[in-house]
Amino acid sequence: MDIKDIRSSLQMKNFYFSKFSFVRDKVIKNGELNADIKKGIIPIGNHEYNVILTTKIEKDDMNIELVAEAQFLYESEDHSREESIINTNTVAIMFPFIRSQVTLLTSQPGMAPIILPPINTQKLK
């Protein structure tokens, strides 16, 4: 099958980290990990959206905050499912980049890297 025939109606136009911070204590502790993810979706044009995901991770020995932003375009003849697709699929597309960045930031000598689990994007409000 030709790839043009199965192209997604949802296109990510741009992705970047607008903010990230990583603060680590000198002494590594094996404390509890708390993670929080917040989503913001801002319409910026006709079927165009700016999606912002803020991820905060706190542990006894470190704090991480990442803000990822991306612009999405929804091109389809049928817009009946657009809102649902924007709310879930944009996060599903962006979250692997966030997971990767967290693992990269925490892959330091003397530390066990943090690997965030996959998430159910339909449950993220």
PDB file of N, CA and C in Angstrom:
ATOM      1  N   MET A   1       0.851  -1.176   0.000  1.00  0.00           N
ATOM      2  CA  MET A   1       0.000   0.000   0.000  1.00  0.00           C
ATOM      3  C   MET A   1       0.896   1.237   0.000  1.00  0.00           C
ATOM      4  N   ASP A   2       0.517   2.223  -0.755  1.00  0.00           N
ATOM      5  CA  ASP A   2       1.264   3.476  -0.837  1.00  0.00           C
ATOM      6  C   ASP A   2       1.106   4.252   0.470  1.00  0.00           C
ATOM      7  N   ILE A   3       2.210   4.728   1.001  1.00  0.00           N
ATOM      8  CA  ILE A   3       2.194   5.463   2.283  1.00  0.00           C
ATOM      9  C   ILE A   3       1.308   6.700   2.221  1.00  0.00           C
ATOM     10  N   LYS A   4       1.172   7.304   1.049  1.00  0.00           N
ATOM     11  CA  LYS A   4       0.315   8.489   0.908  1.00  0.00           C
ATOM     12  C   LYS A   4      -1.151   8.149   1.177  1.00  0.00           C
ATOM     13  N   ASP A   5      -1.531   6.904   0.922  1.00  0.00           N
ATOM     14  CA  ASP A   5      -2.916   6.477   1.119  1.00  0.00           C
ATOM     15  C   ASP A   5      -3.259   6.230   2.583  1.00  0.00           C
ATOM     16  N   ILE A   6      -2.260   6.051   3.422  1.00  0.00           N
ATOM     17  CA  ILE A   6      -2.521   5.763   4.836  1.00  0.00           C
ATOM     18  C   ILE A   6      -1.982   6.867   5.757  1.00  0.00           C
ATOM     19  N   ARG A   7      -1.661   8.005   5.188  1.00  0.00           N
ATOM     20  CA  ARG A   7      -1.152   9.150   5.953  1.00  0.00           C
ATOM     21  C   ARG A   7      -2.191   9.589   6.985  1.00  0.00           C
ATOM     22  N   SER A   8      -1.725   9.915   8.164  1.00  0.00           N
ATOM     23  CA  SER A   8      -2.604  10.348   9.241  1.00  0.00           C
ATOM     24  C   SER A   8      -3.194  11.726   8.952  1.00  0.00           C
ATOM     25  N   SER A   9      -4.411  11.935   9.420  1.00  0.00           N
ATOM     26  CA  SER A   9      -5.041  13.252   9.309  1.00  0.00           C
ATOM     27  C   SER A   9      -4.421  14.254  10.271  1.00  0.00           C
ATOM     28  N   LEU A  10      -3.751  13.742  11.288  1.00  0.00           N
ATOM     29  CA  LEU A  10      -3.129  14.580  12.303  1.00  0.00           C
ATOM     30  C   LEU A  10      -1.636  14.696  12.017  1.00  0.00           C
ATOM     31  N   GLN A  11      -1.179  15.922  11.826  1.00  0.00           N
ATOM     32  CA  GLN A  11       0.226  16.170  11.503  1.00  0.00           C
ATOM     33  C   GLN A  11       0.866  17.053  12.568  1.00  0.00           C
ATOM     34  N   MET A  12       2.030  16.612  13.079  1.00  0.00           N
ATOM     35  CA  MET A  12       2.783  17.437  14.011  1.00  0.00           C
ATOM     36  C   MET A  12       3.721  18.314  13.190  1.00  0.00           C
ATOM     37  N   LYS A  13       3.565  19.620  13.349  1.00  0.00           N
ATOM     38  CA  LYS A  13       4.341  20.572  12.560  1.00  0.00           C
ATOM     39  C   LYS A  13       5.643  20.971  13.240  1.00  0.00           C
ATOM     40  N   ASN A  14       5.662  20.988  14.545  1.00  0.00           N
ATOM     41  CA  ASN A  14       6.829  21.461  15.258  1.00  0.00           C
ATOM     42  C   ASN A  14       6.792  20.864  16.657  1.00  0.00           C
ATOM     43  N   PHE A  15       7.951  20.509  17.172  1.00  0.00           N
ATOM     44  CA  PHE A  15       8.048  19.997  18.537  1.00  0.00           C
ATOM     45  C   PHE A  15       9.314  20.568  19.149  1.00  0.00           C
ATOM     46  N   TYR A  16       9.202  21.057  20.375  1.00  0.00           N
ATOM     47  CA  TYR A  16      10.387  21.553  21.065  1.00  0.00           C
ATOM     48  C   TYR A  16      10.131  21.584  22.563  1.00  0.00           C
ATOM     49  N   PHE A  17      11.220  21.601  23.318  1.00  0.00           N
ATOM     50  CA  PHE A  17      11.133  21.786  24.755  1.00  0.00           C
ATOM     51  C   PHE A  17      11.310  23.274  25.027  1.00  0.00           C
ATOM     52  N   SER A  18      10.259  23.924  25.515  1.00  0.00           N
ATOM     53  CA  SER A  18      10.350  25.354  25.805  1.00  0.00           C
ATOM     54  C   SER A  18      10.987  25.599  27.174  1.00  0.00           C
ATOM     55  N   LYS A  19      11.012  24.547  27.999  1.00  0.00           N
ATOM     56  CA  LYS A  19      11.648  24.673  29.315  1.00  0.00           C
ATOM     57  C   LYS A  19      12.024  23.291  29.800  1.00  0.00           C
ATOM     58  N   PHE A  20      13.198  23.177  30.383  1.00  0.00           N
ATOM     59  CA  PHE A  20      13.474  22.011  31.194  1.00  0.00           C
ATOM     60  C   PHE A  20      14.488  22.356  32.255  1.00  0.00           C
ATOM     61  N   SER A  21      14.255  21.801  33.427  1.00  0.00           N
ATOM     62  CA  SER A  21      15.176  22.019  34.532  1.00  0.00           C
ATOM     63  C   SER A  21      15.399  20.687  35.235  1.00  0.00           C
ATOM     64  N   PHE A  22      16.614  20.540  35.711  1.00  0.00           N
ATOM     65  CA  PHE A  22      17.012  19.310  36.391  1.00  0.00           C
ATOM     66  C   PHE A  22      17.891  19.711  37.564  1.00  0.00           C
ATOM     67  N   VAL A  23      17.435  19.423  38.773  1.00  0.00           N
ATOM     68  CA  VAL A  23      18.181  19.738  39.978  1.00  0.00           C
ATOM     69  C   VAL A  23      18.393  18.430  40.721  1.00  0.00           C
ATOM     70  N   ARG A  24      19.653  18.163  41.029  1.00  0.00           N
ATOM     71  CA  ARG A  24      19.994  16.899  41.683  1.00  0.00           C
ATOM     72  C   ARG A  24      20.880  17.167  42.888  1.00  0.00           C
ATOM     73  N   ASP A  25      20.603  16.457  43.994  1.00  0.00           N
ATOM     74  CA  ASP A  25      21.465  16.529  45.169  1.00  0.00           C
ATOM     75  C   ASP A  25      22.763  15.766  44.907  1.00  0.00           C
ATOM     76  N   LYS A  26      23.764  16.088  45.669  1.00  0.00           N
ATOM     77  CA  LYS A  26      25.044  15.401  45.544  1.00  0.00           C
ATOM     78  C   LYS A  26      24.919  13.938  45.979  1.00  0.00           C
ATOM     79  N   VAL A  27      24.127  13.707  47.008  1.00  0.00           N
ATOM     80  CA  VAL A  27      23.945  12.354  47.530  1.00  0.00           C
ATOM     81  C   VAL A  27      22.671  11.757  46.934  1.00  0.00           C
ATOM     82  N   ILE A  28      22.807  10.608  46.276  1.00  0.00           N
ATOM     83  CA  ILE A  28      21.666   9.926  45.654  1.00  0.00           C
ATOM     84  C   ILE A  28      20.926   9.121  46.724  1.00  0.00           C
ATOM     85  N   LYS A  29      19.604   9.265  46.750  1.00  0.00           N
ATOM     86  CA  LYS A  29      18.757   8.534  47.694  1.00  0.00           C
ATOM     87  C   LYS A  29      17.788   7.665  46.903  1.00  0.00           C
ATOM     88  N   ASN A  30      17.331   6.615  47.514  1.00  0.00           N
ATOM     89  CA  ASN A  30      16.359   5.725  46.867  1.00  0.00           C
ATOM     90  C   ASN A  30      14.954   6.051  47.353  1.00  0.00           C
ATOM     91  N   GLY A  31      14.506   7.256  47.099  1.00  0.00           N
ATOM     92  CA  GLY A  31      13.194   7.692  47.570  1.00  0.00           C
ATOM     93  C   GLY A  31      12.085   7.392  46.579  1.00  0.00           C
ATOM     94  N   GLU A  32      10.909   7.741  46.997  1.00  0.00           N
ATOM     95  CA  GLU A  32       9.699   7.581  46.184  1.00  0.00           C
ATOM     96  C   GLU A  32       9.710   8.575  45.024  1.00  0.00           C
ATOM     97  N   LEU A  33       9.248   8.130  43.882  1.00  0.00           N
ATOM     98  CA  LEU A  33       9.165   8.971  42.690  1.00  0.00           C
ATOM     99  C   LEU A  33       7.722   9.428  42.498  1.00  0.00           C
ATOM    100  N   ASN A  34       7.514  10.738  42.374  1.00  0.00           N
ATOM    101  CA  ASN A  34       6.196  11.295  42.088  1.00  0.00           C
ATOM    102  C   ASN A  34       6.274  12.033  40.758  1.00  0.00           C
ATOM    103  N   ALA A  35       5.345  11.716  39.865  1.00  0.00           N
ATOM    104  CA  ALA A  35       5.313  12.372  38.558  1.00  0.00           C
ATOM    105  C   ALA A  35       3.922  12.939  38.311  1.00  0.00           C
ATOM    106  N   ASP A  36       3.893  14.098  37.667  1.00  0.00           N
ATOM    107  CA  ASP A  36       2.634  14.774  37.360  1.00  0.00           C
ATOM    108  C   ASP A  36       2.718  15.302  35.930  1.00  0.00           C
ATOM    109  N   ILE A  37       1.671  15.070  35.155  1.00  0.00           N
ATOM    110  CA  ILE A  37       1.633  15.530  33.768  1.00  0.00           C
ATOM    111  C   ILE A  37       0.377  16.364  33.581  1.00  0.00           C
ATOM    112  N   LYS A  38       0.560  17.542  33.011  1.00  0.00           N
ATOM    113  CA  LYS A  38      -0.575  18.421  32.715  1.00  0.00           C
ATOM    114  C   LYS A  38      -0.563  18.735  31.227  1.00  0.00           C
ATOM    115  N   LYS A  39      -1.762  18.838  30.665  1.00  0.00           N
ATOM    116  CA  LYS A  39      -1.936  19.079  29.237  1.00  0.00           C
ATOM    117  C   LYS A  39      -2.677  20.381  29.019  1.00  0.00           C
ATOM    118  N   GLY A  40      -2.234  21.146  28.039  1.00  0.00           N
ATOM    119  CA  GLY A  40      -2.937  22.347  27.620  1.00  0.00           C
ATOM    120  C   GLY A  40      -3.059  22.342  26.109  1.00  0.00           C
ATOM    121  N   ILE A  41      -4.253  22.598  25.609  1.00  0.00           N
ATOM    122  CA  ILE A  41      -4.478  22.635  24.160  1.00  0.00           C
ATOM    123  C   ILE A  41      -5.085  23.987  23.810  1.00  0.00           C
ATOM    124  N   ILE A  42      -4.400  24.699  22.914  1.00  0.00           N
ATOM    125  CA  ILE A  42      -4.833  26.038  22.525  1.00  0.00           C
ATOM    126  C   ILE A  42      -5.074  26.069  21.019  1.00  0.00           C
ATOM    127  N   PRO A  43      -6.325  26.304  20.592  1.00  0.00           N
ATOM    128  CA  PRO A  43      -6.556  26.459  19.148  1.00  0.00           C
ATOM    129  C   PRO A  43      -5.821  27.708  18.642  1.00  0.00           C
ATOM    130  N   ILE A  44      -5.100  27.576  17.535  1.00  0.00           N
ATOM    131  CA  ILE A  44      -4.342  28.714  17.003  1.00  0.00           C
ATOM    132  C   ILE A  44      -4.753  29.071  15.578  1.00  0.00           C
ATOM    133  N   GLY A  45      -5.683  28.323  15.031  1.00  0.00           N
ATOM    134  CA  GLY A  45      -6.142  28.586  13.677  1.00  0.00           C
ATOM    135  C   GLY A  45      -7.212  27.571  13.316  1.00  0.00           C
ATOM    136  N   ASN A  46      -7.572  27.556  12.057  1.00  0.00           N
ATOM    137  CA  ASN A  46      -8.576  26.627  11.565  1.00  0.00           C
ATOM    138  C   ASN A  46      -7.997  25.215  11.558  1.00  0.00           C
ATOM    139  N   HIS A  47      -8.403  24.393  12.516  1.00  0.00           N
ATOM    140  CA  HIS A  47      -7.933  23.018  12.677  1.00  0.00           C
ATOM    141  C   HIS A  47      -6.455  22.951  13.026  1.00  0.00           C
ATOM    142  N   GLU A  48      -5.928  23.996  13.660  1.00  0.00           N
ATOM    143  CA  GLU A  48      -4.544  24.039  14.113  1.00  0.00           C
ATOM    144  C   GLU A  48      -4.526  24.251  15.626  1.00  0.00           C
ATOM    145  N   TYR A  49      -3.591  23.575  16.280  1.00  0.00           N
ATOM    146  CA  TYR A  49      -3.552  23.593  17.741  1.00  0.00           C
ATOM    147  C   TYR A  49      -2.119  23.673  18.238  1.00  0.00           C
ATOM    148  N   ASN A  50      -1.946  24.373  19.360  1.00  0.00           N
ATOM    149  CA  ASN A  50      -0.688  24.350  20.091  1.00  0.00           C
ATOM    150  C   ASN A  50      -0.942  23.483  21.322  1.00  0.00           C
ATOM    151  N   VAL A  51      -0.147  22.435  21.481  1.00  0.00           N
ATOM    152  CA  VAL A  51      -0.316  21.506  22.597  1.00  0.00           C
ATOM    153  C   VAL A  51       0.891  21.643  23.516  1.00  0.00           C
ATOM    154  N   ILE A  52       0.615  21.826  24.804  1.00  0.00           N
ATOM    155  CA  ILE A  52       1.668  21.997  25.805  1.00  0.00           C
ATOM    156  C   ILE A  52       1.524  20.894  26.850  1.00  0.00           C
ATOM    157  N   LEU A  53       2.599  20.141  27.045  1.00  0.00           N
ATOM    158  CA  LEU A  53       2.628  19.112  28.086  1.00  0.00           C
ATOM    159  C   LEU A  53       3.684  19.506  29.114  1.00  0.00           C
ATOM    160  N   THR A  54       3.256  19.641  30.356  1.00  0.00           N
ATOM    161  CA  THR A  54       4.164  19.966  31.449  1.00  0.00           C
ATOM    162  C   THR A  54       4.312  18.718  32.311  1.00  0.00           C
ATOM    163  N   THR A  55       5.544  18.277  32.458  1.00  0.00           N
ATOM    164  CA  THR A  55       5.836  17.082  33.238  1.00  0.00           C
ATOM    165  C   THR A  55       6.728  17.474  34.407  1.00  0.00           C
ATOM    166  N   LYS A  56       6.290  17.132  35.618  1.00  0.00           N
ATOM    167  CA  LYS A  56       7.084  17.397  36.817  1.00  0.00           C
ATOM    168  C   LYS A  56       7.356  16.069  37.509  1.00  0.00           C
ATOM    169  N   ILE A  57       8.613  15.876  37.858  1.00  0.00           N
ATOM    170  CA  ILE A  57       9.035  14.663  38.550  1.00  0.00           C
ATOM    171  C   ILE A  57       9.774  15.099  39.808  1.00  0.00           C
ATOM    172  N   GLU A  58       9.343  14.532  40.928  1.00  0.00           N
ATOM    173  CA  GLU A  58       9.981  14.857  42.203  1.00  0.00           C
ATOM    174  C   GLU A  58      10.412  13.569  42.895  1.00  0.00           C
ATOM    175  N   LYS A  59      11.583  13.625  43.442  1.00  0.00           N
ATOM    176  CA  LYS A  59      12.141  12.538  44.226  1.00  0.00           C
ATOM    177  C   LYS A  59      12.893  13.181  45.375  1.00  0.00           C
ATOM    178  N   ASP A  60      13.261  12.427  46.386  1.00  0.00           N
ATOM    179  CA  ASP A  60      13.991  12.991  47.527  1.00  0.00           C
ATOM    180  C   ASP A  60      15.276  13.693  47.096  1.00  0.00           C
ATOM    181  N   ASP A  61      15.907  13.203  46.046  1.00  0.00           N
ATOM    182  CA  ASP A  61      17.215  13.715  45.651  1.00  0.00           C
ATOM    183  C   ASP A  61      17.223  14.509  44.344  1.00  0.00           C
ATOM    184  N   MET A  62      16.048  14.735  43.732  1.00  0.00           N
ATOM    185  CA  MET A  62      16.029  15.474  42.467  1.00  0.00           C
ATOM    186  C   MET A  62      14.651  16.033  42.147  1.00  0.00           C
ATOM    187  N   ASN A  63      14.658  17.052  41.309  1.00  0.00           N
ATOM    188  CA  ASN A  63      13.437  17.637  40.751  1.00  0.00           C
ATOM    189  C   ASN A  63      13.676  17.862  39.264  1.00  0.00           C
ATOM    190  N   ILE A  64      12.693  17.483  38.478  1.00  0.00           N
ATOM    191  CA  ILE A  64      12.763  17.671  37.027  1.00  0.00           C
ATOM    192  C   ILE A  64      11.465  18.345  36.588  1.00  0.00           C
ATOM    193  N   GLU A  65      11.590  19.317  35.710  1.00  0.00           N
ATOM    194  CA  GLU A  65      10.412  19.914  35.082  1.00  0.00           C
ATOM    195  C   GLU A  65      10.693  20.065  33.593  1.00  0.00           C
ATOM    196  N   LEU A  66       9.805  19.537  32.785  1.00  0.00           N
ATOM    197  CA  LEU A  66       9.901  19.638  31.332  1.00  0.00           C
ATOM    198  C   LEU A  66       8.618  20.243  30.793  1.00  0.00           C
ATOM    199  N   VAL A  67       8.743  21.193  29.897  1.00  0.00           N
ATOM    200  CA  VAL A  67       7.593  21.733  29.191  1.00  0.00           C
ATOM    201  C   VAL A  67       7.847  21.491  27.700  1.00  0.00           C
ATOM    202  N   ALA A  68       7.012  20.642  27.122  1.00  0.00           N
ATOM    203  CA  ALA A  68       7.126  20.323  25.698  1.00  0.00           C
ATOM    204  C   ALA A  68       5.964  20.973  24.963  1.00  0.00           C
ATOM    205  N   GLU A  69       6.260  21.548  23.806  1.00  0.00           N
ATOM    206  CA  GLU A  69       5.227  22.183  22.993  1.00  0.00           C
ATOM    207  C   GLU A  69       5.303  21.659  21.571  1.00  0.00           C
ATOM    208  N   ALA A  70       4.148  21.564  20.941  1.00  0.00           N
ATOM    209  CA  ALA A  70       4.091  21.158  19.539  1.00  0.00           C
ATOM    210  C   ALA A  70       2.863  21.781  18.890  1.00  0.00           C
ATOM    211  N   GLN A  71       2.985  22.028  17.604  1.00  0.00           N
ATOM    212  CA  GLN A  71       1.846  22.513  16.828  1.00  0.00           C
ATOM    213  C   GLN A  71       1.344  21.347  15.986  1.00  0.00           C
ATOM    214  N   PHE A  72       0.031  21.213  15.958  1.00  0.00           N
ATOM    215  CA  PHE A  72      -0.606  20.141  15.205  1.00  0.00           C
ATOM    216  C   PHE A  72      -1.617  20.717  14.226  1.00  0.00           C
ATOM    217  N   LEU A  73      -1.738  20.044  13.110  1.00  0.00           N
ATOM    218  CA  LEU A  73      -2.722  20.385  12.085  1.00  0.00           C
ATOM    219  C   LEU A  73      -3.571  19.150  11.836  1.00  0.00           C
ATOM    220  N   TYR A  74      -4.882  19.345  11.855  1.00  0.00           N
ATOM    221  CA  TYR A  74      -5.809  18.245  11.585  1.00  0.00           C
ATOM    222  C   TYR A  74      -6.433  18.480  10.214  1.00  0.00           C
ATOM    223  N   GLU A  75      -6.060  17.646   9.237  1.00  0.00           N
ATOM    224  CA  GLU A  75      -6.564  17.762   7.876  1.00  0.00           C
ATOM    225  C   GLU A  75      -7.383  16.525   7.539  1.00  0.00           C
ATOM    226  N   SER A  76      -8.682  16.721   7.431  1.00  0.00           N
ATOM    227  CA  SER A  76      -9.571  15.611   7.126  1.00  0.00           C
ATOM    228  C   SER A  76     -10.847  16.142   6.503  1.00  0.00           C
ATOM    229  N   GLU A  77     -11.485  15.302   5.740  1.00  0.00           N
ATOM    230  CA  GLU A  77     -12.794  15.676   5.201  1.00  0.00           C
ATOM    231  C   GLU A  77     -13.868  15.547   6.266  1.00  0.00           C
ATOM    232  N   ASP A  78     -13.631  14.679   7.244  1.00  0.00           N
ATOM    233  CA  ASP A  78     -14.577  14.439   8.330  1.00  0.00           C
ATOM    234  C   ASP A  78     -13.978  14.988   9.630  1.00  0.00           C
ATOM    235  N   HIS A  79     -14.607  16.010  10.197  1.00  0.00           N
ATOM    236  CA  HIS A  79     -14.107  16.630  11.425  1.00  0.00           C
ATOM    237  C   HIS A  79     -14.916  16.226  12.655  1.00  0.00           C
ATOM    238  N   SER A  80     -15.750  15.205  12.532  1.00  0.00           N
ATOM    239  CA  SER A  80     -16.626  14.818  13.640  1.00  0.00           C
ATOM    240  C   SER A  80     -15.850  14.283  14.849  1.00  0.00           C
ATOM    241  N   ARG A  81     -14.676  13.694  14.646  1.00  0.00           N
ATOM    242  CA  ARG A  81     -13.883  13.136  15.749  1.00  0.00           C
ATOM    243  C   ARG A  81     -12.668  14.002  16.080  1.00  0.00           C
ATOM    244  N   GLU A  82     -12.605  15.180  15.507  1.00  0.00           N
ATOM    245  CA  GLU A  82     -11.416  16.025  15.657  1.00  0.00           C
ATOM    246  C   GLU A  82     -11.066  16.302  17.125  1.00  0.00           C
ATOM    247  N   GLU A  83     -12.034  16.711  17.919  1.00  0.00           N
ATOM    248  CA  GLU A  83     -11.754  17.053  19.313  1.00  0.00           C
ATOM    249  C   GLU A  83     -11.171  15.865  20.075  1.00  0.00           C
ATOM    250  N   SER A  84     -11.771  14.705  19.898  1.00  0.00           N
ATOM    251  CA  SER A  84     -11.290  13.502  20.570  1.00  0.00           C
ATOM    252  C   SER A  84      -9.872  13.135  20.122  1.00  0.00           C
ATOM    253  N   ILE A  85      -9.626  13.235  18.843  1.00  0.00           N
ATOM    254  CA  ILE A  85      -8.300  12.904  18.300  1.00  0.00           C
ATOM    255  C   ILE A  85      -7.257  13.894  18.811  1.00  0.00           C
ATOM    256  N   ILE A  86      -7.591  15.167  18.827  1.00  0.00           N
ATOM    257  CA  ILE A  86      -6.656  16.181  19.324  1.00  0.00           C
ATOM    258  C   ILE A  86      -6.350  15.936  20.799  1.00  0.00           C
ATOM    259  N   ASN A  87      -7.362  15.616  21.599  1.00  0.00           N
ATOM    260  CA  ASN A  87      -7.175  15.419  23.038  1.00  0.00           C
ATOM    261  C   ASN A  87      -6.328  14.200  23.388  1.00  0.00           C
ATOM    262  N   THR A  88      -6.385  13.152  22.587  1.00  0.00           N
ATOM    263  CA  THR A  88      -5.655  11.931  22.941  1.00  0.00           C
ATOM    264  C   THR A  88      -4.424  11.692  22.065  1.00  0.00           C
ATOM    265  N   ASN A  89      -4.565  11.825  20.775  1.00  0.00           N
ATOM    266  CA  ASN A  89      -3.469  11.452  19.880  1.00  0.00           C
ATOM    267  C   ASN A  89      -2.290  12.412  19.935  1.00  0.00           C
ATOM    268  N   THR A  90      -2.538  13.689  20.177  1.00  0.00           N
ATOM    269  CA  THR A  90      -1.419  14.627  20.251  1.00  0.00           C
ATOM    270  C   THR A  90      -0.504  14.259  21.422  1.00  0.00           C
ATOM    271  N   VAL A  91      -1.104  13.905  22.546  1.00  0.00           N
ATOM    272  CA  VAL A  91      -0.322  13.508  23.714  1.00  0.00           C
ATOM    273  C   VAL A  91       0.417  12.197  23.428  1.00  0.00           C
ATOM    274  N   ALA A  92      -0.257  11.263  22.768  1.00  0.00           N
ATOM    275  CA  ALA A  92       0.376   9.984  22.430  1.00  0.00           C
ATOM    276  C   ALA A  92       1.572  10.181  21.501  1.00  0.00           C
ATOM    277  N   ILE A  93       1.518  11.160  20.647  1.00  0.00           N
ATOM    278  CA  ILE A  93       2.630  11.457  19.742  1.00  0.00           C
ATOM    279  C   ILE A  93       3.775  12.137  20.496  1.00  0.00           C
ATOM    280  N   MET A  94       3.462  13.033  21.405  1.00  0.00           N
ATOM    281  CA  MET A  94       4.483  13.821  22.104  1.00  0.00           C
ATOM    282  C   MET A  94       5.150  13.075  23.260  1.00  0.00           C
ATOM    283  N   PHE A  95       4.408  12.221  23.954  1.00  0.00           N
ATOM    284  CA  PHE A  95       4.913  11.644  25.198  1.00  0.00           C
ATOM    285  C   PHE A  95       6.183  10.811  25.037  1.00  0.00           C
ATOM    286  N   PRO A  96       6.372  10.051  23.969  1.00  0.00           N
ATOM    287  CA  PRO A  96       7.642   9.318  23.832  1.00  0.00           C
ATOM    288  C   PRO A  96       8.874  10.234  23.820  1.00  0.00           C
ATOM    289  N   PHE A  97       8.747  11.435  23.289  1.00  0.00           N
ATOM    290  CA  PHE A  97       9.859  12.392  23.318  1.00  0.00           C
ATOM    291  C   PHE A  97      10.164  12.828  24.750  1.00  0.00           C
ATOM    292  N   ILE A  98       9.121  13.007  25.547  1.00  0.00           N
ATOM    293  CA  ILE A  98       9.286  13.389  26.950  1.00  0.00           C
ATOM    294  C   ILE A  98       9.929  12.252  27.731  1.00  0.00           C
ATOM    295  N   ARG A  99       9.448  11.037  27.519  1.00  0.00           N
ATOM    296  CA  ARG A  99      10.033   9.862  28.189  1.00  0.00           C
ATOM    297  C   ARG A  99      11.518   9.758  27.881  1.00  0.00           C
ATOM    298  N   SER A 100      11.861   9.935  26.624  1.00  0.00           N
ATOM    299  CA  SER A 100      13.252   9.850  26.193  1.00  0.00           C
ATOM    300  C   SER A 100      14.110  10.925  26.852  1.00  0.00           C
ATOM    301  N   GLN A 101      13.599  12.149  26.914  1.00  0.00           N
ATOM    302  CA  GLN A 101      14.350  13.257  27.512  1.00  0.00           C
ATOM    303  C   GLN A 101      14.581  13.032  29.004  1.00  0.00           C
ATOM    304  N   VAL A 102      13.576  12.521  29.712  1.00  0.00           N
ATOM    305  CA  VAL A 102      13.726  12.244  31.145  1.00  0.00           C
ATOM    306  C   VAL A 102      14.802  11.173  31.349  1.00  0.00           C
ATOM    307  N   THR A 103      14.769  10.130  30.555  1.00  0.00           N
ATOM    308  CA  THR A 103      15.775   9.073  30.667  1.00  0.00           C
ATOM    309  C   THR A 103      17.167   9.615  30.364  1.00  0.00           C
ATOM    310  N   LEU A 104      17.273  10.445  29.345  1.00  0.00           N
ATOM    311  CA  LEU A 104      18.559  11.041  28.992  1.00  0.00           C
ATOM    312  C   LEU A 104      19.098  11.930  30.122  1.00  0.00           C
ATOM    313  N   LEU A 105      18.228  12.750  30.700  1.00  0.00           N
ATOM    314  CA  LEU A 105      18.650  13.646  31.782  1.00  0.00           C
ATOM    315  C   LEU A 105      19.106  12.886  33.030  1.00  0.00           C
ATOM    316  N   THR A 106      18.508  11.728  33.264  1.00  0.00           N
ATOM    317  CA  THR A 106      18.810  10.991  34.497  1.00  0.00           C
ATOM    318  C   THR A 106      19.826   9.873  34.281  1.00  0.00           C
ATOM    319  N   SER A 107      20.349   9.730  33.101  1.00  0.00           N
ATOM    320  CA  SER A 107      21.381   8.717  32.822  1.00  0.00           C
ATOM    321  C   SER A 107      22.754   9.309  33.114  1.00  0.00           C
ATOM    322  N   GLN A 108      23.023   9.429  34.385  1.00  0.00           N
ATOM    323  CA  GLN A 108      24.290   9.996  34.837  1.00  0.00           C
ATOM    324  C   GLN A 108      25.027   8.961  35.670  1.00  0.00           C
ATOM    325  N   PRO A 109      26.344   9.095  35.764  1.00  0.00           N
ATOM    326  CA  PRO A 109      27.102   8.158  36.600  1.00  0.00           C
ATOM    327  C   PRO A 109      26.567   8.114  38.024  1.00  0.00           C
ATOM    328  N   GLY A 110      26.444   6.923  38.552  1.00  0.00           N
ATOM    329  CA  GLY A 110      25.997   6.748  39.934  1.00  0.00           C
ATOM    330  C   GLY A 110      24.491   6.801  40.115  1.00  0.00           C
ATOM    331  N   MET A 111      23.736   6.955  39.038  1.00  0.00           N
ATOM    332  CA  MET A 111      22.269   7.040  39.122  1.00  0.00           C
ATOM    333  C   MET A 111      21.631   5.915  38.318  1.00  0.00           C
ATOM    334  N   ALA A 112      20.487   5.475  38.780  1.00  0.00           N
ATOM    335  CA  ALA A 112      19.657   4.599  37.960  1.00  0.00           C
ATOM    336  C   ALA A 112      18.748   5.511  37.141  1.00  0.00           C
ATOM    337  N   PRO A 113      18.767   5.402  35.812  1.00  0.00           N
ATOM    338  CA  PRO A 113      17.940   6.299  35.000  1.00  0.00           C
ATOM    339  C   PRO A 113      16.449   6.134  35.312  1.00  0.00           C
ATOM    340  N   ILE A 114      15.727   7.227  35.210  1.00  0.00           N
ATOM    341  CA  ILE A 114      14.270   7.185  35.370  1.00  0.00           C
ATOM    342  C   ILE A 114      13.671   6.890  34.004  1.00  0.00           C
ATOM    343  N   ILE A 115      12.892   5.846  33.945  1.00  0.00           N
ATOM    344  CA  ILE A 115      12.191   5.492  32.709  1.00  0.00           C
ATOM    345  C   ILE A 115      10.693   5.584  33.006  1.00  0.00           C
ATOM    346  N   LEU A 116      10.070   6.637  32.497  1.00  0.00           N
ATOM    347  CA  LEU A 116       8.638   6.816  32.726  1.00  0.00           C
ATOM    348  C   LEU A 116       7.862   5.730  31.989  1.00  0.00           C
ATOM    349  N   PRO A 117       6.815   5.202  32.601  1.00  0.00           N
ATOM    350  CA  PRO A 117       6.017   4.185  31.926  1.00  0.00           C
ATOM    351  C   PRO A 117       5.143   4.807  30.845  1.00  0.00           C
ATOM    352  N   PRO A 118       4.710   4.001  29.877  1.00  0.00           N
ATOM    353  CA  PRO A 118       3.716   4.516  28.916  1.00  0.00           C
ATOM    354  C   PRO A 118       2.457   4.926  29.683  1.00  0.00           C
ATOM    355  N   ILE A 119       1.706   5.855  29.115  1.00  0.00           N
ATOM    356  CA  ILE A 119       0.485   6.336  29.776  1.00  0.00           C
ATOM    357  C   ILE A 119      -0.731   6.086  28.894  1.00  0.00           C
ATOM    358  N   ASN A 120      -1.887   6.047  29.527  1.00  0.00           N
ATOM    359  CA  ASN A 120      -3.160   5.978  28.818  1.00  0.00           C
ATOM    360  C   ASN A 120      -3.588   7.422  28.553  1.00  0.00           C
ATOM    361  N   THR A 121      -3.418   7.873  27.325  1.00  0.00           N
ATOM    362  CA  THR A 121      -3.670   9.272  26.994  1.00  0.00           C
ATOM    363  C   THR A 121      -5.141   9.661  27.133  1.00  0.00           C
ATOM    364  N   GLN A 122      -6.039   8.708  27.114  1.00  0.00           N
ATOM    365  CA  GLN A 122      -7.461   9.015  27.274  1.00  0.00           C
ATOM    366  C   GLN A 122      -7.801   9.417  28.703  1.00  0.00           C
ATOM    367  N   LYS A 123      -6.974   9.013  29.662  1.00  0.00           N
ATOM    368  CA  LYS A 123      -7.224   9.363  31.065  1.00  0.00           C
ATOM    369  C   LYS A 123      -6.627  10.705  31.455  1.00  0.00           C
ATOM    370  N   LEU A 124      -5.766  11.268  30.608  1.00  0.00           N
ATOM    371  CA  LEU A 124      -5.142  12.549  30.921  1.00  0.00           C
ATOM    372  C   LEU A 124      -6.105  13.676  30.611  1.00  0.00           C
ATOM    373  N   LYS A 125      -6.451  14.443  31.614  1.00  0.00           N
ATOM    374  CA  LYS A 125      -7.408  15.539  31.453  1.00  0.00           C
ATOM    375  C   LYS A 125      -6.705  16.811  31.110  1.00  0.00           C
TER     376      LYS A 125
END
